[in-house]
Amino acid sequence: MADFNAIIEALVACDTDKVTQLVDAAIAEKVPATDILNQGLIAGMDIVGEKMENGDMFIPEVLMAAQAMGSCVETLKPLLGEGESTEGASVIIGTVKGDLHDIGKNLVSMMMESAGMAVHNLGVDIAPEDFVAEIKSKNAQIVCLSALLTTTMPMMKQTVDAIVESGLRDQVKIMVGGAPVTQAFCDEIGADGFAPDAGSAAKMAKSFVA
C-alpha cells in the first residue's frame, strides 16, 4: 500500500526525484489517483504552506516543492476519472494594470493549483475590464489581485469597482495581496480578503469555497 507519509515528507523536503519515484510506485500498486493526490500531494503542500507562513520555508524551496507537485499532478491527470478532476474552484489571478511584478503572484498561483483549484493566471498589467471579461468566461468564484507598487494600489480599487459595476460582485470573492497591501486597505476598497503570503492565500481561497 502507498506510503502517503513518505510522499508528504519527500515533498516537504523538496526532493523532486523521491516524490516522483513514490508517486510512480503508488500508481504501479494501483492506488487510486485521487488518494495519491489528496492524501499525499495536497496534504504535503498544505504543510509546505504552513511552513512558509511560519518562516520555516522560503520562496525558492516552496517553488521547488510546488514544481515537484506540478509534475506529479501531470502524471496523475490521465488516471483521474470523470468527476475526479484536480480542478476545483475556478480562480482568476493577475497583477493589476500598471504593475509588472509577478513572482509573488505566480507563487500564489502555484500554491492554489497545488490545493486542487483551477487557476487562470492572467499575467501582469491587467486592466479592470480584462478581469471582468475573464470572470465571465471562466465562471470564476475567486479573483486575486496583486500589486507590488504603492502607485498601482489604486488600480485594485478601480478593478473592484469594475466588478461591482459589471453585476458580478455577488458571484466572486475578491482577494488582494502584495508587499504594500494591508488588511486596512483591503477593507477600504471592499475586497473580501487579504493574504500576506502564498500559503495563507491558498488557505483563504479554500475557506471561501469550502
C-alpha atoms as a PDB file:
ATOM      1  CA  MET A   1       0.000   0.000   0.000  1.00  0.00           C
ATOM      2  CA  ALA A   2       1.215   3.507  -0.771  1.00  0.00           C
ATOM      3  CA  ASP A   3       3.086   5.319   1.978  1.00  0.00           C
ATOM      4  CA  PHE A   4       1.407   8.721   1.855  1.00  0.00           C
ATOM      5  CA  ASN A   5       3.576   9.968   4.733  1.00  0.00           C
ATOM      6  CA  ALA A   6       6.686   9.259   2.650  1.00  0.00           C
ATOM      7  CA  ILE A   7       5.226  11.298  -0.240  1.00  0.00           C
ATOM      8  CA  ILE A   8       4.428  14.149   2.173  1.00  0.00           C
ATOM      9  CA  GLU A   9       7.922  14.053   3.707  1.00  0.00           C
ATOM     10  CA  ALA A  10       9.643  13.986   0.301  1.00  0.00           C
ATOM     11  CA  LEU A  11       7.536  16.911  -0.909  1.00  0.00           C
ATOM     12  CA  VAL A  12       8.265  18.978   2.220  1.00  0.00           C
ATOM     13  CA  ALA A  13      11.966  18.119   1.766  1.00  0.00           C
ATOM     14  CA  CYS A  14      11.735  19.375  -1.861  1.00  0.00           C
ATOM     15  CA  ASP A  15      13.132  16.027  -3.041  1.00  0.00           C
ATOM     16  CA  THR A  16      11.639  16.006  -6.544  1.00  0.00           C
ATOM     17  CA  ASP A  17      13.189  12.672  -7.579  1.00  0.00           C
ATOM     18  CA  LYS A  18      11.908  10.887  -4.479  1.00  0.00           C
ATOM     19  CA  VAL A  19       8.401  12.361  -4.789  1.00  0.00           C
ATOM     20  CA  THR A  20       8.273  11.227  -8.422  1.00  0.00           C
ATOM     21  CA  GLN A  21       9.514   7.720  -7.538  1.00  0.00           C
ATOM     22  CA  LEU A  22       6.982   7.349  -4.718  1.00  0.00           C
ATOM     23  CA  VAL A  23       4.086   8.566  -6.864  1.00  0.00           C
ATOM     24  CA  ASP A  24       5.122   6.237  -9.716  1.00  0.00           C
ATOM     25  CA  ALA A  25       5.329   3.340  -7.238  1.00  0.00           C
ATOM     26  CA  ALA A  26       1.870   4.144  -5.864  1.00  0.00           C
ATOM     27  CA  ILE A  27       0.464   4.208  -9.408  1.00  0.00           C
ATOM     28  CA  ALA A  28       2.108   0.833 -10.108  1.00  0.00           C
ATOM     29  CA  GLU A  29       0.436  -0.525  -6.966  1.00  0.00           C
ATOM     30  CA  LYS A  30      -2.929   0.585  -8.405  1.00  0.00           C
ATOM     31  CA  VAL A  31      -3.509   3.089  -5.587  1.00  0.00           C
ATOM     32  CA  PRO A  32      -6.405   5.374  -6.657  1.00  0.00           C
ATOM     33  CA  ALA A  33      -5.074   8.562  -8.254  1.00  0.00           C
ATOM     34  CA  THR A  34      -7.381  10.715  -6.117  1.00  0.00           C
ATOM     35  CA  ASP A  35      -5.899   9.191  -2.947  1.00  0.00           C
ATOM     36  CA  ILE A  36      -2.346   9.902  -4.140  1.00  0.00           C
ATOM     37  CA  LEU A  37      -3.392  13.458  -4.985  1.00  0.00           C
ATOM     38  CA  ASN A  38      -5.351  14.260  -1.822  1.00  0.00           C
ATOM     39  CA  GLN A  39      -3.611  12.203   0.890  1.00  0.00           C
ATOM     40  CA  GLY A  40      -0.090  12.609  -0.479  1.00  0.00           C
ATOM     41  CA  LEU A  41       0.481  15.650  -2.669  1.00  0.00           C
ATOM     42  CA  ILE A  42      -2.167  18.119  -1.469  1.00  0.00           C
ATOM     43  CA  ALA A  43      -1.561  17.120   2.172  1.00  0.00           C
ATOM     44  CA  GLY A  44       2.169  17.753   1.633  1.00  0.00           C
ATOM     45  CA  MET A  45       1.607  21.158   0.050  1.00  0.00           C
ATOM     46  CA  ASP A  46      -0.660  22.115   2.962  1.00  0.00           C
ATOM     47  CA  ILE A  47       2.337  21.565   5.252  1.00  0.00           C
ATOM     48  CA  VAL A  48       4.609  23.499   2.873  1.00  0.00           C
ATOM     49  CA  GLY A  49       2.137  26.397   3.033  1.00  0.00           C
ATOM     50  CA  GLU A  50       2.116  26.329   6.828  1.00  0.00           C
ATOM     51  CA  LYS A  51       5.924  26.251   6.942  1.00  0.00           C
ATOM     52  CA  MET A  52       6.075  29.233   4.606  1.00  0.00           C
ATOM     53  CA  GLU A  53       3.634  31.173   6.803  1.00  0.00           C
ATOM     54  CA  ASN A  54       5.741  30.362   9.874  1.00  0.00           C
ATOM     55  CA  GLY A  55       9.000  31.358   8.189  1.00  0.00           C
ATOM     56  CA  ASP A  56      10.338  27.776   8.245  1.00  0.00           C
ATOM     57  CA  MET A  57      10.450  27.574   4.429  1.00  0.00           C
ATOM     58  CA  PHE A  58      11.384  30.254   1.924  1.00  0.00           C
ATOM     59  CA  ILE A  59      10.280  31.089  -1.617  1.00  0.00           C
ATOM     60  CA  PRO A  60      12.954  29.047  -3.511  1.00  0.00           C
ATOM     61  CA  GLU A  61      12.072  25.919  -1.501  1.00  0.00           C
ATOM     62  CA  VAL A  62       8.341  26.480  -1.872  1.00  0.00           C
ATOM     63  CA  LEU A  63       8.787  26.874  -5.633  1.00  0.00           C
ATOM     64  CA  MET A  64      10.738  23.597  -5.765  1.00  0.00           C
ATOM     65  CA  ALA A  65       8.014  21.775  -3.816  1.00  0.00           C
ATOM     66  CA  ALA A  66       5.275  23.276  -5.989  1.00  0.00           C
ATOM     67  CA  GLN A  67       7.118  22.290  -9.182  1.00  0.00           C
ATOM     68  CA  ALA A  68       7.574  18.730  -7.887  1.00  0.00           C
ATOM     69  CA  MET A  69       3.866  18.596  -7.099  1.00  0.00           C
ATOM     70  CA  GLY A  70       3.017  20.002 -10.543  1.00  0.00           C
ATOM     71  CA  SER A  71       4.977  17.352 -12.426  1.00  0.00           C
ATOM     72  CA  CYS A  72       3.333  14.581 -10.380  1.00  0.00           C
ATOM     73  CA  VAL A  73      -0.138  16.037 -10.996  1.00  0.00           C
ATOM     74  CA  GLU A  74       0.552  15.911 -14.748  1.00  0.00           C
ATOM     75  CA  THR A  75       1.353  12.202 -14.357  1.00  0.00           C
ATOM     76  CA  LEU A  76      -1.858  11.627 -12.387  1.00  0.00           C
ATOM     77  CA  LYS A  77      -4.189  13.628 -14.642  1.00  0.00           C
ATOM     78  CA  PRO A  78      -4.901  10.829 -17.168  1.00  0.00           C
ATOM     79  CA  LEU A  79      -5.719   8.490 -14.254  1.00  0.00           C
ATOM     80  CA  LEU A  80      -8.225  10.783 -12.587  1.00  0.00           C
ATOM     81  CA  GLY A  81     -11.656   9.533 -13.582  1.00  0.00           C
ATOM     82  CA  GLU A  82     -14.728  11.530 -14.515  1.00  0.00           C
ATOM     83  CA  GLY A  83     -15.701  13.806 -11.666  1.00  0.00           C
ATOM     84  CA  GLU A  84     -12.285  13.323 -10.079  1.00  0.00           C
ATOM     85  CA  SER A  85     -10.527  16.153 -11.853  1.00  0.00           C
ATOM     86  CA  THR A  86      -7.942  18.154  -9.933  1.00  0.00           C
ATOM     87  CA  GLU A  87      -9.850  21.275 -10.931  1.00  0.00           C
ATOM     88  CA  GLY A  88     -11.839  22.592  -8.031  1.00  0.00           C
ATOM     89  CA  ALA A  89     -12.820  26.233  -7.620  1.00  0.00           C
ATOM     90  CA  SER A  90     -12.234  28.479 -10.633  1.00  0.00           C
ATOM     91  CA  VAL A  91      -9.735  31.205  -9.714  1.00  0.00           C
ATOM     92  CA  ILE A  92      -8.650  34.272 -11.719  1.00  0.00           C
ATOM     93  CA  ILE A  93      -5.315  35.797 -10.696  1.00  0.00           C
ATOM     94  CA  GLY A  94      -3.370  38.718 -12.119  1.00  0.00           C
ATOM     95  CA  THR A  95      -1.207  41.736 -11.374  1.00  0.00           C
ATOM     96  CA  VAL A  96      -3.202  44.950 -11.803  1.00  0.00           C
ATOM     97  CA  LYS A  97      -2.738  47.433 -14.652  1.00  0.00           C
ATOM     98  CA  GLY A  98       0.489  49.442 -14.491  1.00  0.00           C
ATOM     99  CA  ASP A  99       2.331  46.827 -12.396  1.00  0.00           C
ATOM    100  CA  LEU A 100       4.720  44.296 -13.947  1.00  0.00           C
ATOM    101  CA  HIS A 101       5.670  42.240 -10.874  1.00  0.00           C
ATOM    102  CA  ASP A 102       4.785  38.578 -10.991  1.00  0.00           C
ATOM    103  CA  ILE A 103       6.956  36.354  -8.751  1.00  0.00           C
ATOM    104  CA  GLY A 104       4.654  36.599  -5.727  1.00  0.00           C
ATOM    105  CA  LYS A 105       1.547  36.206  -7.872  1.00  0.00           C
ATOM    106  CA  ASN A 106       2.997  33.148  -9.602  1.00  0.00           C
ATOM    107  CA  LEU A 107       3.810  31.576  -6.245  1.00  0.00           C
ATOM    108  CA  VAL A 108       0.233  32.145  -5.045  1.00  0.00           C
ATOM    109  CA  SER A 109      -0.981  30.629  -8.329  1.00  0.00           C
ATOM    110  CA  MET A 110       1.166  27.512  -7.807  1.00  0.00           C
ATOM    111  CA  MET A 111       0.013  27.080  -4.217  1.00  0.00           C
ATOM    112  CA  MET A 112      -3.644  27.374  -5.241  1.00  0.00           C
ATOM    113  CA  GLU A 113      -3.141  24.863  -8.053  1.00  0.00           C
ATOM    114  CA  SER A 114      -1.448  22.587  -5.519  1.00  0.00           C
ATOM    115  CA  ALA A 115      -4.594  22.882  -3.389  1.00  0.00           C
ATOM    116  CA  GLY A 116      -6.624  21.500  -6.300  1.00  0.00           C
ATOM    117  CA  MET A 117      -8.040  24.722  -7.761  1.00  0.00           C
ATOM    118  CA  ALA A 118      -8.385  25.613 -11.443  1.00  0.00           C
ATOM    119  CA  VAL A 119      -6.194  28.708 -11.595  1.00  0.00           C
ATOM    120  CA  HIS A 120      -6.244  31.047 -14.599  1.00  0.00           C
ATOM    121  CA  ASN A 121      -3.106  33.184 -14.340  1.00  0.00           C
ATOM    122  CA  LEU A 122      -3.648  36.284 -16.499  1.00  0.00           C
ATOM    123  CA  GLY A 123      -0.127  37.646 -16.063  1.00  0.00           C
ATOM    124  CA  VAL A 124       0.791  41.276 -15.370  1.00  0.00           C
ATOM    125  CA  ASP A 125      -0.554  44.725 -16.276  1.00  0.00           C
ATOM    126  CA  ILE A 126      -4.181  43.519 -16.371  1.00  0.00           C
ATOM    127  CA  ALA A 127      -6.876  46.173 -16.871  1.00  0.00           C
ATOM    128  CA  PRO A 128     -10.088  46.125 -14.791  1.00  0.00           C
ATOM    129  CA  GLU A 129     -12.225  45.279 -17.834  1.00  0.00           C
ATOM    130  CA  ASP A 130      -9.995  42.293 -18.603  1.00  0.00           C
ATOM    131  CA  PHE A 131     -10.547  40.897 -15.094  1.00  0.00           C
ATOM    132  CA  VAL A 132     -14.303  41.324 -15.623  1.00  0.00           C
ATOM    133  CA  ALA A 133     -14.182  39.558 -19.017  1.00  0.00           C
ATOM    134  CA  GLU A 134     -12.221  36.635 -17.535  1.00  0.00           C
ATOM    135  CA  ILE A 135     -14.627  36.250 -14.593  1.00  0.00           C
ATOM    136  CA  LYS A 136     -17.415  35.831 -17.141  1.00  0.00           C
ATOM    137  CA  SER A 137     -15.553  33.474 -19.472  1.00  0.00           C
ATOM    138  CA  LYS A 138     -14.102  31.249 -16.726  1.00  0.00           C
ATOM    139  CA  ASN A 139     -17.155  31.424 -14.428  1.00  0.00           C
ATOM    140  CA  ALA A 140     -14.756  32.332 -11.619  1.00  0.00           C
ATOM    141  CA  GLN A 141     -15.560  32.069  -7.930  1.00  0.00           C
ATOM    142  CA  ILE A 142     -12.412  33.819  -6.702  1.00  0.00           C
ATOM    143  CA  VAL A 143     -10.477  36.794  -8.116  1.00  0.00           C
ATOM    144  CA  CYS A 144      -6.965  37.531  -6.828  1.00  0.00           C
ATOM    145  CA  LEU A 145      -5.461  40.984  -7.428  1.00  0.00           C
ATOM    146  CA  SER A 146      -1.736  41.573  -6.938  1.00  0.00           C
ATOM    147  CA  ALA A 147       0.233  44.841  -6.724  1.00  0.00           C
ATOM    148  CA  LEU A 148       3.803  45.463  -5.611  1.00  0.00           C
ATOM    149  CA  LEU A 149       3.875  49.240  -6.127  1.00  0.00           C
ATOM    150  CA  THR A 150       2.070  51.759  -3.932  1.00  0.00           C
ATOM    151  CA  THR A 151       1.363  53.696  -7.149  1.00  0.00           C
ATOM    152  CA  THR A 152      -0.658  50.800  -8.598  1.00  0.00           C
ATOM    153  CA  MET A 153      -2.694  50.064  -5.462  1.00  0.00           C
ATOM    154  CA  PRO A 154      -5.484  52.475  -6.573  1.00  0.00           C
ATOM    155  CA  MET A 155      -5.919  50.202  -9.620  1.00  0.00           C
ATOM    156  CA  MET A 156      -7.058  47.474  -7.213  1.00  0.00           C
ATOM    157  CA  LYS A 157      -9.907  49.773  -6.138  1.00  0.00           C
ATOM    158  CA  GLN A 158     -10.763  50.502  -9.776  1.00  0.00           C
ATOM    159  CA  THR A 159     -10.835  46.756 -10.502  1.00  0.00           C
ATOM    160  CA  VAL A 160     -13.129  46.062  -7.532  1.00  0.00           C
ATOM    161  CA  ASP A 161     -15.395  48.903  -8.701  1.00  0.00           C
ATOM    162  CA  ALA A 162     -15.469  47.480 -12.244  1.00  0.00           C
ATOM    163  CA  ILE A 163     -16.506  44.069 -10.880  1.00  0.00           C
ATOM    164  CA  VAL A 164     -19.290  45.738  -8.866  1.00  0.00           C
ATOM    165  CA  GLU A 165     -20.471  47.725 -11.911  1.00  0.00           C
ATOM    166  CA  SER A 166     -20.499  44.558 -14.055  1.00  0.00           C
ATOM    167  CA  GLY A 167     -23.032  42.976 -11.699  1.00  0.00           C
ATOM    168  CA  LEU A 168     -20.640  40.099 -10.904  1.00  0.00           C
ATOM    169  CA  ARG A 169     -19.712  41.118  -7.360  1.00  0.00           C
ATOM    170  CA  ASP A 170     -22.042  38.595  -5.681  1.00  0.00           C
ATOM    171  CA  GLN A 171     -20.542  35.764  -7.753  1.00  0.00           C
ATOM    172  CA  VAL A 172     -16.920  36.200  -6.665  1.00  0.00           C
ATOM    173  CA  LYS A 173     -14.746  36.557  -3.601  1.00  0.00           C
ATOM    174  CA  ILE A 174     -12.022  39.168  -4.189  1.00  0.00           C
ATOM    175  CA  MET A 175      -8.603  38.620  -2.608  1.00  0.00           C
ATOM    176  CA  VAL A 176      -5.766  41.166  -2.626  1.00  0.00           C
ATOM    177  CA  GLY A 177      -2.063  40.862  -1.893  1.00  0.00           C
ATOM    178  CA  GLY A 178       1.399  42.298  -2.495  1.00  0.00           C
ATOM    179  CA  ALA A 179       4.084  43.953  -0.393  1.00  0.00           C
ATOM    180  CA  PRO A 180       2.368  47.340   0.206  1.00  0.00           C
ATOM    181  CA  VAL A 181      -1.139  45.886   0.651  1.00  0.00           C
ATOM    182  CA  THR A 182      -2.668  45.675   4.143  1.00  0.00           C
ATOM    183  CA  GLN A 183      -5.856  44.372   5.726  1.00  0.00           C
ATOM    184  CA  ALA A 184      -6.957  48.000   6.242  1.00  0.00           C
ATOM    185  CA  PHE A 185      -6.548  48.704   2.513  1.00  0.00           C
ATOM    186  CA  CYS A 186      -8.432  45.504   1.688  1.00  0.00           C
ATOM    187  CA  ASP A 187     -11.345  46.658   3.869  1.00  0.00           C
ATOM    188  CA  GLU A 188     -11.202  50.172   2.439  1.00  0.00           C
ATOM    189  CA  ILE A 189     -11.599  49.052  -1.210  1.00  0.00           C
ATOM    190  CA  GLY A 190     -14.302  46.490  -0.446  1.00  0.00           C
ATOM    191  CA  ALA A 191     -12.324  43.291  -1.108  1.00  0.00           C
ATOM    192  CA  ASP A 192     -13.117  40.089   0.788  1.00  0.00           C
ATOM    193  CA  GLY A 193      -9.681  39.050   1.977  1.00  0.00           C
ATOM    194  CA  PHE A 194      -6.005  39.984   2.282  1.00  0.00           C
ATOM    195  CA  ALA A 195      -3.247  37.376   2.429  1.00  0.00           C
ATOM    196  CA  PRO A 196       0.334  38.281   3.388  1.00  0.00           C
ATOM    197  CA  ASP A 197       1.888  35.227   1.684  1.00  0.00           C
ATOM    198  CA  ALA A 198       1.170  32.400  -0.745  1.00  0.00           C
ATOM    199  CA  GLY A 199       0.457  29.762   1.889  1.00  0.00           C
ATOM    200  CA  SER A 200      -2.171  31.812   3.661  1.00  0.00           C
ATOM    201  CA  ALA A 201      -3.632  32.899   0.287  1.00  0.00           C
ATOM    202  CA  ALA A 202      -4.236  29.266  -0.697  1.00  0.00           C
ATOM    203  CA  LYS A 203      -5.731  28.529   2.708  1.00  0.00           C
ATOM    204  CA  MET A 204      -8.047  31.551   2.480  1.00  0.00           C
ATOM    205  CA  ALA A 205      -9.166  30.597  -1.024  1.00  0.00           C
ATOM    206  CA  LYS A 206     -10.025  27.093   0.182  1.00  0.00           C
ATOM    207  CA  SER A 207     -12.038  28.556   3.059  1.00  0.00           C
ATOM    208  CA  PHE A 208     -14.022  30.731   0.628  1.00  0.00           C
ATOM    209  CA  VAL A 209     -15.199  27.730  -1.407  1.00  0.00           C
ATOM    210  CA  ALA A 210     -15.426  25.145   1.370  1.00  0.00           C
END
